Amino acid sequence: MESVRVDIAGTPVLRGLDLRLEAGEVVGLLGPNGSGKSTLLRMLAGLIPPAGGRCRVLGADISADGAAGRAARAAVRTSVTLIGHQPALYPQLELGENLRLVARLTGRDETDATAALESVGLAAATHRRADQCSHGMLRRADLARALLTEPHLLLLDEAHAGLDRDSVHLVQVLTEAVRSRSGACVLVSHERDRLRPMVDRAVELVDGAVVPASVSVP
């Protein structure tokens, strides 16, 4: 993306933003609350359009005007998975029902949904309704959704939040799975030490623009 600007309710949130992701790259994204981190992820997911500049996601120009831009944003959503602060689950459905629905919508076998839940340690909770699950369980179910959909671009907004000590490794399992198929990841975190072993480089949002992060990463 080049010189990207995003406005929310007429207020500039991102401006003059330049960022390039390479295939197989995991990038950490830092910044204080209100700096625009979640806004950037939502734009990359095709949920909100840029107000200016140029942005291509997986080859699609999501910054194009009019119908072309709307079509491009709709197209990239099938190859992008965003895990935000709120779980992308229907609360009245069981965890298994939620994942099987995702499997059907994305042309996958329902057994893949079962396998995804098993991989995050939720096999025993398949028949539990989402609104009866703890925050940590919902977080793991969202990670299972990302494993199931096999995105080419994975966007994680504070993905470690709510995970217990025995589950935090699942975030790295997920990012490595995306990397192995030459996809890319953007991982938002307030914990620089947690980012360090997971990312190839880190950047920080300052005054709506991206700058190299002060933390060194391997």
Protein backbone atom coordinates (compact mmCIF):
# COMPACT_ATOMS: atom_id res chain seq x y z
CA MET A 1 0.00 0.00 0.00
CA GLU A 2 1.14 3.52 -0.78
CA SER A 3 0.06 6.79 0.88
CA VAL A 4 -3.13 5.15 2.17
CA ARG A 5 -5.61 7.24 4.10
CA VAL A 6 -8.60 5.91 6.07
CA ASP A 7 -11.23 8.15 7.62
CA ILE A 8 -13.76 7.02 10.24
CA ALA A 9 -16.86 9.22 10.57
CA GLY A 10 -14.97 12.00 8.78
CA THR A 11 -11.97 11.81 11.11
CA PRO A 12 -8.59 10.78 9.64
CA VAL A 13 -7.31 7.64 11.38
CA LEU A 14 -4.64 6.46 8.95
CA ARG A 15 -2.78 8.85 6.65
CA GLY A 16 0.23 8.59 4.41
CA LEU A 17 0.54 4.91 5.28
CA ASP A 18 3.08 2.81 3.34
CA LEU A 19 3.41 -0.91 4.01
CA ARG A 20 4.40 -3.93 1.97
CA LEU A 21 3.93 -7.57 2.98
CA GLU A 22 5.95 -10.30 1.31
CA ALA A 23 4.80 -13.88 0.72
CA GLY A 24 5.60 -16.02 3.74
CA GLU A 25 6.15 -13.00 5.99
CA VAL A 26 4.81 -12.44 9.51
CA VAL A 27 4.78 -8.77 10.51
CA GLY A 28 4.15 -7.52 14.02
CA LEU A 29 2.06 -4.36 14.39
CA LEU A 30 2.49 -2.19 17.46
CA GLY A 31 0.95 1.06 18.61
CA PRO A 32 -0.98 2.58 21.52
CA ASN A 33 -4.74 2.29 21.89
CA GLY A 34 -6.50 4.45 19.35
CA SER A 35 -3.57 4.53 16.94
CA GLY A 36 -5.54 2.78 14.18
CA LYS A 37 -4.28 -0.81 14.41
CA SER A 38 -7.73 -2.40 14.24
CA THR A 39 -8.74 0.03 11.50
CA LEU A 40 -5.76 -1.06 9.42
CA LEU A 41 -6.68 -4.72 9.84
CA ARG A 42 -10.30 -4.07 8.88
CA MET A 43 -9.18 -2.25 5.76
CA LEU A 44 -6.86 -5.09 4.77
CA ALA A 45 -9.76 -7.50 5.28
CA GLY A 46 -11.83 -5.53 2.78
CA LEU A 47 -14.35 -4.39 5.41
CA ILE A 48 -13.75 -0.65 5.04
CA PRO A 49 -12.43 1.20 1.98
CA PRO A 50 -9.42 3.51 1.95
CA ALA A 51 -10.27 7.19 1.51
CA GLY A 52 -7.11 7.81 -0.47
CA GLY A 53 -3.88 6.31 -1.71
CA ARG A 54 -3.47 2.91 -3.31
CA CYS A 55 -3.82 -0.48 -1.66
CA ARG A 56 -3.57 -3.90 -3.27
CA VAL A 57 -4.42 -7.01 -1.26
CA LEU A 58 -3.61 -10.39 -2.78
CA GLY A 59 -3.43 -8.70 -6.17
CA ALA A 60 -6.81 -6.94 -5.89
CA ASP A 61 -6.96 -3.14 -5.87
CA ILE A 62 -9.24 -2.55 -2.89
CA SER A 63 -8.70 1.21 -3.19
CA ALA A 64 -10.37 1.43 -6.61
CA ASP A 65 -13.37 3.72 -6.92
CA GLY A 66 -16.99 2.66 -7.23
CA ALA A 67 -18.11 -0.80 -8.25
CA ALA A 68 -14.57 -1.96 -9.06
CA GLY A 69 -13.44 -1.27 -5.51
CA ARG A 70 -16.48 -2.94 -3.98
CA ALA A 71 -15.93 -6.02 -6.14
CA ALA A 72 -12.24 -6.16 -5.23
CA ARG A 73 -12.98 -5.92 -1.50
CA ALA A 74 -15.62 -8.65 -1.76
CA ALA A 75 -13.21 -10.88 -3.68
CA VAL A 76 -10.36 -10.68 -1.16
CA ARG A 77 -12.60 -11.54 1.81
CA THR A 78 -12.68 -15.18 0.74
CA SER A 79 -8.89 -15.42 1.09
CA VAL A 80 -8.47 -13.29 4.23
CA THR A 81 -9.24 -14.25 7.82
CA LEU A 82 -9.52 -11.59 10.50
CA ILE A 83 -9.57 -12.53 14.16
CA GLY A 84 -10.67 -9.43 16.02
CA HIS A 85 -11.55 -8.58 19.59
CA GLN A 86 -15.00 -10.15 19.31
CA PRO A 87 -15.41 -13.79 18.23
CA ALA A 88 -16.89 -14.32 14.75
CA LEU A 89 -19.33 -16.92 16.02
CA TYR A 90 -23.11 -17.15 16.21
CA PRO A 91 -23.77 -17.18 19.98
CA GLN A 92 -26.89 -19.35 19.77
CA LEU A 93 -25.12 -22.09 17.78
CA GLU A 94 -22.90 -24.82 19.18
CA LEU A 95 -19.18 -24.55 18.46
CA GLY A 96 -19.43 -27.51 16.10
CA GLU A 97 -22.39 -25.96 14.31
CA ASN A 98 -20.47 -22.71 13.88
CA LEU A 99 -17.46 -24.45 12.36
CA ARG A 100 -19.55 -26.73 10.15
CA LEU A 101 -21.36 -23.68 8.82
CA VAL A 102 -18.02 -22.09 7.91
CA ALA A 103 -16.99 -25.36 6.25
CA ARG A 104 -20.13 -25.44 4.11
CA LEU A 105 -19.81 -21.77 3.14
CA THR A 106 -16.21 -22.25 2.04
CA GLY A 107 -16.71 -25.52 0.19
CA ARG A 108 -15.00 -27.73 2.75
CA ASP A 109 -16.03 -31.04 4.25
CA GLU A 110 -17.72 -30.90 7.64
CA THR A 111 -15.15 -33.36 8.97
CA ASP A 112 -12.59 -30.58 8.49
CA ALA A 113 -14.53 -28.51 11.02
CA THR A 114 -14.33 -31.33 13.55
CA ALA A 115 -10.60 -31.68 12.96
CA ALA A 116 -10.08 -27.94 13.42
CA LEU A 117 -11.84 -27.96 16.79
CA GLU A 118 -9.80 -30.99 17.86
CA SER A 119 -6.58 -29.21 16.89
CA VAL A 120 -7.27 -26.39 19.36
CA GLY A 121 -8.38 -28.69 22.17
CA LEU A 122 -12.13 -28.17 21.85
CA ALA A 123 -13.22 -31.66 20.79
CA ALA A 124 -15.11 -32.12 24.07
CA ALA A 125 -16.91 -28.78 23.62
CA THR A 126 -18.30 -29.42 20.15
CA HIS A 127 -21.90 -29.43 21.41
CA ARG A 128 -21.56 -26.41 23.71
CA ARG A 129 -23.30 -23.24 22.60
CA ALA A 130 -21.01 -20.33 21.93
CA ASP A 131 -22.83 -18.11 24.43
CA GLN A 132 -22.09 -20.70 27.13
CA CYS A 133 -18.33 -20.74 26.48
CA SER A 134 -15.61 -18.88 28.31
CA HIS A 135 -13.69 -16.11 26.57
CA GLY A 136 -10.69 -18.40 26.22
CA MET A 137 -12.78 -21.12 24.57
CA LEU A 138 -14.26 -18.61 22.13
CA ARG A 139 -10.76 -17.40 21.31
CA ARG A 140 -9.65 -20.94 20.56
CA ALA A 141 -12.75 -21.53 18.43
CA ASP A 142 -11.84 -18.44 16.39
CA LEU A 143 -8.34 -19.85 15.89
CA ALA A 144 -9.97 -23.10 14.75
CA ARG A 145 -11.95 -21.09 12.20
CA ALA A 146 -8.72 -19.67 10.83
CA LEU A 147 -7.15 -23.14 10.65
CA LEU A 148 -10.24 -24.35 8.78
CA THR A 149 -10.37 -21.55 6.21
CA GLU A 150 -6.63 -21.68 5.38
CA PRO A 151 -6.32 -17.96 4.54
CA HIS A 152 -3.65 -16.46 2.30
CA LEU A 153 -3.68 -13.37 4.51
CA LEU A 154 -4.17 -13.76 8.26
CA LEU A 155 -4.93 -10.73 10.42
CA LEU A 156 -4.71 -11.24 14.18
CA ASP A 157 -5.80 -8.48 16.56
CA GLU A 158 -4.41 -9.24 20.03
CA ALA A 159 -4.85 -12.96 19.33
CA HIS A 160 -3.13 -13.96 22.59
CA ALA A 161 -5.70 -12.13 24.72
CA GLY A 162 -7.85 -14.55 26.68
CA LEU A 163 -5.73 -17.61 25.95
CA ASP A 164 -4.40 -19.60 28.89
CA ARG A 165 -0.78 -20.65 29.17
CA ASP A 166 -1.42 -24.02 27.53
CA SER A 167 -3.10 -22.41 24.49
CA VAL A 168 -0.88 -19.45 23.58
CA HIS A 169 1.25 -21.66 21.33
CA LEU A 170 -1.76 -22.04 19.01
CA VAL A 171 -1.17 -18.54 17.64
CA GLN A 172 2.29 -19.54 16.45
CA VAL A 173 0.93 -22.83 15.07
CA LEU A 174 -1.55 -20.82 13.04
CA THR A 175 0.93 -18.25 11.73
CA GLU A 176 3.39 -20.98 10.76
CA ALA A 177 0.63 -22.79 8.85
CA VAL A 178 -0.07 -19.63 6.85
CA ARG A 179 3.64 -19.05 6.27
CA SER A 180 4.09 -22.63 5.02
CA ARG A 181 1.70 -21.99 2.13
CA SER A 182 3.41 -18.69 1.28
CA GLY A 183 0.70 -16.59 2.87
CA ALA A 184 1.29 -13.50 5.00
CA CYS A 185 0.29 -12.51 8.53
CA VAL A 186 -0.14 -9.25 10.41
CA LEU A 187 -0.07 -9.78 14.16
CA VAL A 188 -1.16 -6.97 16.49
CA SER A 189 0.05 -7.10 20.07
CA HIS A 190 0.81 -4.78 22.96
CA GLU A 191 3.37 -7.30 24.21
CA ARG A 192 6.61 -6.74 22.32
CA ASP A 193 8.31 -9.67 24.00
CA ARG A 194 5.57 -11.99 22.79
CA LEU A 195 5.98 -10.77 19.21
CA ARG A 196 9.75 -11.18 19.16
CA PRO A 197 9.99 -14.96 18.48
CA MET A 198 7.05 -14.99 16.06
CA VAL A 199 7.59 -12.25 13.51
CA ASP A 200 10.09 -11.45 10.78
CA ARG A 201 9.90 -7.73 11.49
CA ALA A 202 7.78 -5.27 13.41
CA VAL A 203 6.32 -1.89 12.59
CA GLU A 204 4.51 0.70 14.68
CA LEU A 205 1.64 3.05 13.96
CA VAL A 206 2.59 6.60 14.90
CA ASP A 207 0.32 9.53 14.02
CA GLY A 208 -1.53 7.37 11.49
CA ALA A 209 1.59 6.24 9.62
CA VAL A 210 3.82 3.18 9.80
CA VAL A 211 7.37 3.44 11.13
CA PRO A 212 9.89 0.66 11.95
CA ALA A 213 9.36 -0.61 15.48
CA SER A 214 11.98 0.09 18.11
CA VAL A 215 11.99 -3.55 19.25
CA SER A 216 14.49 -5.81 17.50
CA VAL A 217 13.13 -9.13 16.21
CA PRO A 218 14.90 -12.14 14.76
